[in-house]
Protein backbone atom coordinates (compact mmCIF):
# COMPACT_ATOMS: atom_id res chain seq x y z
CA UNK A 1 -37.64 60.27 -8.05
CA UNK A 2 -40.23 61.72 -5.34
CA UNK A 3 -38.57 61.12 -1.31
CA UNK A 4 -42.50 59.04 -1.26
CA UNK A 5 -41.42 57.12 -4.14
CA UNK A 6 -37.61 56.16 -2.42
CA UNK A 7 -39.06 56.04 0.62
CA UNK A 8 -42.00 53.21 -0.15
CA UNK A 9 -38.66 51.66 -1.80
CA UNK A 10 -36.61 51.27 1.57
CA UNK A 11 -39.30 49.96 3.64
CA UNK A 12 -39.88 47.14 1.21
CA UNK A 13 -35.85 46.65 1.32
CA UNK A 14 -35.64 46.63 4.93
CA UNK A 15 -39.33 44.19 5.02
CA UNK A 16 -38.14 41.78 2.43
CA UNK A 17 -34.13 41.89 2.47
CA UNK A 18 -32.99 42.37 5.70
CA UNK A 19 -36.05 40.61 7.14
CA UNK A 20 -36.87 43.45 9.80
CA UNK A 21 -39.90 43.49 12.04
CA UNK A 22 -42.92 44.65 11.09
CA UNK A 23 -42.64 46.65 14.10
CA UNK A 24 -39.63 47.99 13.19
CA UNK A 25 -41.10 48.78 9.64
CA UNK A 26 -44.07 50.42 10.93
CA UNK A 27 -41.83 52.93 13.24
CA UNK A 28 -39.52 53.55 9.76
CA UNK A 29 -42.48 53.99 7.98
CA UNK A 30 -43.70 56.83 11.18
CA UNK A 31 -40.47 58.34 10.80
CA UNK A 32 -40.53 59.26 7.58
CA UNK A 33 -43.81 59.96 6.91
CA UNK A 34 -42.62 62.64 9.24
CA UNK A 35 -40.00 63.64 7.22
CA UNK A 36 -41.62 63.71 3.96
CA UNK A 37 -44.48 65.90 5.55
CA UNK A 38 -42.33 68.22 6.58
CA UNK A 39 -39.50 68.60 3.90
CA UNK A 40 -42.46 68.35 0.87
CA UNK A 41 -42.78 65.52 -1.53
CA UNK A 42 -40.29 66.55 -3.62
CA UNK A 43 -37.08 65.15 -5.08
CA UNK A 44 -35.26 63.35 -2.89
CA UNK A 45 -31.47 65.11 -4.41
CA UNK A 46 -33.01 68.49 -3.74
CA UNK A 47 -33.23 67.42 0.03
CA UNK A 48 -29.65 69.06 2.08
CA UNK A 49 -28.37 69.42 5.80
CA UNK A 50 -30.34 72.58 6.24
CA UNK A 51 -34.00 71.12 5.70
CA UNK A 52 -32.74 67.80 7.87
CA UNK A 53 -31.73 69.88 10.69
CA UNK A 54 -35.14 72.87 10.47
CA UNK A 55 -36.67 69.37 10.43
CA UNK A 56 -35.07 67.96 13.76
CA UNK A 57 -35.67 71.25 15.37
CA UNK A 58 -39.26 71.52 14.81
CA UNK A 59 -39.85 68.33 16.23
CA UNK A 60 -37.63 69.37 19.21
CA UNK A 61 -39.24 72.23 19.72
CA UNK A 62 -42.88 70.12 19.43
CA UNK A 63 -40.77 67.92 23.14
CA UNK A 64 -39.49 65.24 20.93
CA UNK A 65 -37.24 62.94 23.64
CA UNK A 66 -33.77 62.73 23.28
CA UNK A 67 -34.56 58.64 22.16
CA UNK A 68 -36.75 59.39 19.70
CA UNK A 69 -34.73 61.92 17.66
CA UNK A 70 -31.92 59.62 17.86
CA UNK A 71 -34.12 56.68 16.67
CA UNK A 72 -35.27 59.17 13.89
CA UNK A 73 -31.88 60.34 12.69
CA UNK A 74 -31.15 56.79 12.54
CA UNK A 75 -33.56 56.69 10.57
CA UNK A 76 -33.01 59.05 7.97
CA UNK A 77 -29.73 57.85 7.33
CA UNK A 78 -29.89 54.38 6.55
CA UNK A 79 -32.48 55.95 4.18
CA UNK A 80 -29.76 58.32 2.48
CA UNK A 81 -27.51 55.32 2.67
CA UNK A 82 -29.62 53.30 0.95
CA UNK A 83 -30.54 55.69 -1.50
CA UNK A 84 -26.78 56.34 -2.38
CA UNK A 85 -25.97 52.63 -3.23
CA UNK A 86 -28.92 52.64 -5.49
CA UNK A 87 -27.94 55.40 -6.78
CA UNK A 88 -30.65 57.38 -6.28
CA UNK A 89 -29.09 60.52 -4.98
CA UNK A 90 -25.22 61.77 -5.43
CA UNK A 91 -24.42 63.27 -2.02
CA UNK A 92 -25.99 62.35 1.32
CA UNK A 93 -26.08 64.39 3.55
CA UNK A 94 -27.89 63.04 6.31
CA UNK A 95 -23.94 62.29 6.94
CA UNK A 96 -23.33 66.02 8.62
CA UNK A 97 -26.45 64.85 11.17
CA UNK A 98 -26.08 65.51 14.58
CA UNK A 99 -27.70 62.37 16.81
CA UNK A 100 -28.50 63.81 20.00
CA UNK A 101 -26.94 61.39 22.77
CA UNK A 102 -29.77 59.43 24.77
CA UNK A 103 -29.69 60.16 28.19
CA UNK A 104 -29.70 57.07 30.56
CA UNK A 105 -33.39 56.98 31.78
CA UNK A 106 -33.76 54.09 34.85
CA UNK A 107 -37.18 52.21 33.53
CA UNK A 108 -40.51 52.36 35.55
CA UNK A 109 -40.80 49.74 38.56
CA UNK A 110 -43.11 48.58 40.40
CA UNK A 111 -42.43 47.12 43.42
CA UNK A 112 -43.12 43.01 44.77
CA UNK A 113 -46.15 44.28 47.51
CA UNK A 114 -47.75 46.80 44.58
CA UNK A 115 -47.59 43.71 41.87
CA UNK A 116 -48.86 41.35 44.14
CA UNK A 117 -51.49 43.89 45.16
CA UNK A 118 -52.64 44.34 41.44
CA UNK A 119 -52.51 40.25 40.93
CA UNK A 120 -54.09 39.91 43.85
CA UNK A 121 -57.26 42.33 43.15
CA UNK A 122 -57.36 40.93 39.19
CA UNK A 123 -57.44 37.35 40.91
CA UNK A 124 -60.44 39.01 42.74
CA UNK A 125 -62.09 39.64 39.82
CA UNK A 126 -61.85 36.77 37.72
CA UNK A 127 -64.06 34.26 40.71
CA UNK A 128 -66.67 35.47 39.42
CA UNK A 129 -66.24 33.89 36.17
CA UNK A 130 -66.29 36.94 33.75
CA UNK A 131 -64.28 36.23 30.54
CA UNK A 132 -62.92 39.17 30.69
CA UNK A 133 -61.68 39.30 34.08
CA UNK A 134 -60.41 36.22 33.77
CA UNK A 135 -58.54 37.07 30.51
CA UNK A 136 -57.34 40.17 32.30
CA UNK A 137 -56.15 38.24 34.98
CA UNK A 138 -54.25 35.65 33.41
CA UNK A 139 -52.76 37.97 30.90
CA UNK A 140 -51.11 40.42 34.53
CA UNK A 141 -49.94 37.44 35.59
CA UNK A 142 -48.33 35.96 32.34
CA UNK A 143 -46.71 39.62 31.27
CA UNK A 144 -45.12 39.80 34.77
CA UNK A 145 -44.23 35.99 35.10
CA UNK A 146 -42.37 35.72 32.19
CA UNK A 147 -40.83 39.08 31.43
CA UNK A 148 -42.41 38.99 27.79
CA UNK A 149 -42.37 42.02 25.42
CA UNK A 150 -46.01 42.60 24.95
CA UNK A 151 -45.53 42.39 21.01
CA UNK A 152 -44.58 38.73 22.15
CA UNK A 153 -47.68 38.24 24.97
CA UNK A 154 -49.68 39.34 21.60
CA UNK A 155 -48.25 36.93 18.95
CA UNK A 156 -48.50 33.75 22.01
CA UNK A 157 -51.04 30.83 20.04
CA UNK A 158 -51.63 28.29 21.66
CA UNK A 159 -49.11 25.84 20.25
CA UNK A 160 -46.59 28.13 22.02
CA UNK A 161 -47.44 26.82 25.89
CA UNK A 162 -45.75 24.08 27.58
CA UNK A 163 -48.18 23.79 30.17
CA UNK A 164 -46.21 20.69 31.53
CA UNK A 165 -43.07 22.53 31.67
CA UNK A 166 -44.72 25.84 32.14
CA UNK A 167 -42.49 27.33 29.68
CA UNK A 168 -43.48 29.46 26.33
CA UNK A 169 -41.93 29.84 22.94
CA UNK A 170 -41.66 33.66 22.39
CA UNK A 171 -40.98 35.05 18.50
CA UNK A 172 -39.06 38.45 19.60
CA UNK A 173 -37.76 41.20 17.85
CA UNK A 174 -36.05 40.18 14.34
CA UNK A 175 -38.07 36.93 14.69
CA UNK A 176 -35.84 35.58 16.99
CA UNK A 177 -37.27 32.45 19.07
CA UNK A 178 -36.74 31.25 22.85
CA UNK A 179 -38.28 29.46 25.56
CA UNK A 180 -38.66 31.50 29.00
CA UNK A 181 -40.21 30.13 32.02
CA UNK A 182 -43.51 31.38 34.08
CA UNK A 183 -44.05 30.46 37.39
CA UNK A 184 -47.15 28.27 38.99
CA UNK A 185 -49.38 31.13 39.22
CA UNK A 186 -49.32 32.05 35.42
CA UNK A 187 -49.80 28.18 34.99
CA UNK A 188 -53.12 28.77 37.38
CA UNK A 189 -54.45 31.66 35.67
CA UNK A 190 -53.93 30.27 31.67
CA UNK A 191 -55.55 27.22 32.86
CA UNK A 192 -58.74 29.11 33.61
CA UNK A 193 -58.45 31.34 31.68
CA UNK A 194 -58.05 28.88 28.45
CA UNK A 195 -61.00 26.65 29.67
CA UNK A 196 -63.15 29.61 31.17
CA UNK A 197 -63.14 31.71 29.62
CA UNK A 198 -61.39 31.37 26.18
CA UNK A 199 -64.35 29.51 24.50
CA UNK A 200 -66.67 32.02 25.56
CA UNK A 201 -64.16 34.99 23.32
CA UNK A 202 -63.87 33.17 20.48
CA UNK A 203 -67.58 32.11 20.22
CA UNK A 204 -68.11 36.49 20.48
CA UNK A 205 -66.25 36.39 16.95
CA UNK A 206 -69.34 34.97 15.35
CA UNK A 207 -72.23 35.47 17.31
CA UNK A 208 -73.66 37.39 14.72
CA UNK A 209 -73.29 34.30 11.97
CA UNK A 210 -75.83 31.86 10.60
CA UNK A 211 -75.85 29.01 12.62
CA UNK A 212 -75.77 26.78 9.72
CA UNK A 213 -71.85 28.60 9.52
CA UNK A 214 -71.50 26.13 12.55
CA UNK A 215 -70.39 22.90 12.71
CA UNK A 216 -72.18 20.46 15.65
CA UNK A 217 -68.71 19.44 17.05
CA UNK A 218 -68.25 22.44 17.91
CA UNK A 219 -71.13 25.04 17.20
CA UNK A 220 -68.34 28.11 18.56
CA UNK A 221 -66.10 27.42 15.80
CA UNK A 222 -66.98 27.51 11.99
CA UNK A 223 -64.64 25.59 10.09
CA UNK A 224 -63.64 28.11 7.81
CA UNK A 225 -62.44 29.67 10.47
CA UNK A 226 -60.35 26.99 12.09
CA UNK A 227 -57.23 27.92 9.61
CA UNK A 228 -57.14 31.65 10.65
CA UNK A 229 -54.42 32.83 12.74
CA UNK A 230 -57.05 34.25 14.91
CA UNK A 231 -57.94 30.67 15.57
CA UNK A 232 -54.74 30.04 17.24
CA UNK A 233 -53.99 32.38 19.41
CA UNK A 234 -53.95 32.32 23.36
CA UNK A 235 -55.09 36.33 24.06
CA UNK A 236 -58.37 36.99 22.00
CA UNK A 237 -60.42 40.64 22.94
CA UNK A 238 -63.78 40.86 23.63
CA UNK A 239 -64.89 40.66 20.37
CA UNK A 240 -63.11 37.52 19.28
CA UNK A 241 -59.67 38.42 17.58
CA UNK A 242 -56.08 38.23 18.75
CA UNK A 243 -55.69 40.89 21.86
CA UNK A 244 -54.04 43.99 20.50
CA UNK A 245 -51.05 45.71 22.14
CA UNK A 246 -53.16 49.11 22.67
CA UNK A 247 -55.88 46.99 24.90
CA UNK A 248 -52.97 45.53 26.73
CA UNK A 249 -51.72 48.60 27.17
CA UNK A 250 -54.84 50.02 28.39
CA UNK A 251 -55.30 47.04 31.01
CA UNK A 252 -51.89 47.95 32.54
CA UNK A 253 -52.42 51.80 32.75
CA UNK A 254 -55.95 50.84 34.27
CA UNK A 255 -54.53 48.04 37.18
CA UNK A 256 -51.04 48.82 38.04
CA UNK A 257 -50.17 52.89 37.33
CA UNK A 258 -52.52 53.76 40.35
CA UNK A 259 -50.55 51.36 42.73
CA UNK A 260 -47.13 52.69 41.57
CA UNK A 261 -48.46 56.45 41.88
CA UNK A 262 -48.46 56.95 37.34
CA UNK A 263 -50.62 58.70 35.35
CA UNK A 264 -50.01 56.05 32.31
CA UNK A 265 -48.10 53.09 32.63
CA UNK A 266 -47.18 50.54 29.97
CA UNK A 267 -47.31 47.00 29.57
CA UNK A 268 -43.38 47.45 29.25
CA UNK A 269 -43.38 48.22 32.85
CA UNK A 270 -44.11 44.75 34.14
CA UNK A 271 -41.00 43.90 32.33
CA UNK A 272 -39.09 46.09 33.55
CA UNK A 273 -40.30 45.00 36.89
CA UNK A 274 -39.89 41.20 36.32
CA UNK A 275 -36.13 41.55 35.35
CA UNK A 276 -35.50 43.83 38.79
CA UNK A 277 -36.95 41.72 40.60
CA UNK A 278 -35.09 38.03 39.30
CA UNK A 279 -31.84 40.60 39.84
CA UNK A 280 -32.85 41.68 43.71
CA UNK A 281 -33.35 37.99 43.93
CA UNK A 282 -30.02 36.69 43.23
CA UNK A 283 -30.27 35.66 39.79
CA UNK A 284 -28.14 35.90 37.39
CA UNK A 285 -26.91 38.49 35.13
CA UNK A 286 -26.60 36.28 31.77
CA UNK A 287 -29.95 34.27 32.50
CA UNK A 288 -31.85 37.54 32.97
CA UNK A 289 -30.50 38.67 29.59
CA UNK A 290 -31.70 35.13 27.75
CA UNK A 291 -35.66 35.74 29.58
CA UNK A 292 -35.64 38.98 28.35
CA UNK A 293 -34.36 38.29 24.96
CA UNK A 294 -31.13 40.94 24.56
CA UNK A 295 -28.93 40.49 22.48
CA UNK A 296 -26.73 42.78 24.20
CA UNK A 297 -25.74 42.59 28.13
CA UNK A 298 -25.25 46.65 28.62
CA UNK A 299 -29.40 46.40 27.52
CA UNK A 300 -29.80 44.30 30.63
CA UNK A 301 -27.26 45.72 32.92
CA UNK A 302 -29.60 48.60 32.96
CA UNK A 303 -31.15 46.70 35.67
CA UNK A 304 -28.78 46.82 38.24
CA UNK A 305 -28.62 50.06 38.40
CA UNK A 306 -32.06 50.20 39.13
CA UNK A 307 -31.55 47.76 42.15
CA UNK A 308 -28.98 50.46 42.76
CA UNK A 309 -31.45 53.96 42.69
CA UNK A 310 -34.04 51.50 45.43
CA UNK A 311 -30.88 50.70 47.84
CA UNK A 312 -29.72 54.50 47.71
CA UNK A 313 -33.05 55.38 48.55
CA UNK A 314 -33.95 53.08 50.88
CA UNK A 315 -30.60 53.79 52.64
CA UNK A 316 -31.52 57.91 52.68
CA UNK A 317 -34.91 56.33 54.51
CA UNK A 318 -34.05 54.90 56.46
CA UNK A 319 -30.03 55.69 58.26
CA UNK A 320 -29.65 57.90 60.21
CA UNK A 321 -27.03 59.06 59.05
CA UNK A 322 -27.60 59.61 55.75
């Protein structure tokens, strides 16, 4: 059987049987597509350890990070383990692959003052009533205020927000659901966006449609689209569809990155910052674990190292005997 056919079978298995998240399946697909491109779409039984090592070596020369290399190695091992279970291969060459050790790198964290400045700027822009500016302000406040992943914020639906309790129901990795709190500034920004901006963005979805397709009660929302996933989305794009992670990444990179001296910065930096600031403020580590939705406390503990690094840096700069 050709490698590409085995890959498709494995991807169907992890999606339908193991029920991994769509984002994880996409990552697996990209990793395995790179493997097929490197070794050729030939019989999977013809792939040996030399082929896999050459694939690893080429990726290393191209500047692949240790974390990416470790993930790709794990993906290939999963593919061959499944192929062996299905009787598609008799020898598993991936067992002899060496996975590079991941270095523990500290996540990028913005200071409280830097984020205050970013959010103040966003609030000033939103005061003019522009729909995109109102959305961006609410989006930044919600990301930082909840510590949510960008995929969780983009997947947020209107009925996932409890305005009275100021909580969000988030759907995280592995389709795990959790409820997290968010602050009063985020609530104010969300209310302004939902009342003044979201209807404007939603109307843009149908700007080119015949007016007869619109209902008399809500001229911006045709009945036939009332049940779509986008109609329930909290955050909408400029054309009225559900906002995607790429647009959020561009927003954070444009607004937050200059404040922390970075050329490019993703939305995960707001999650890192929220976690670090919670711990700096005295929050319990397990409470932060619950808010972030980490399966392991060890994953959350990296933020204690971030705080320790900042403490050492402050000591080095301020103490005369440092």
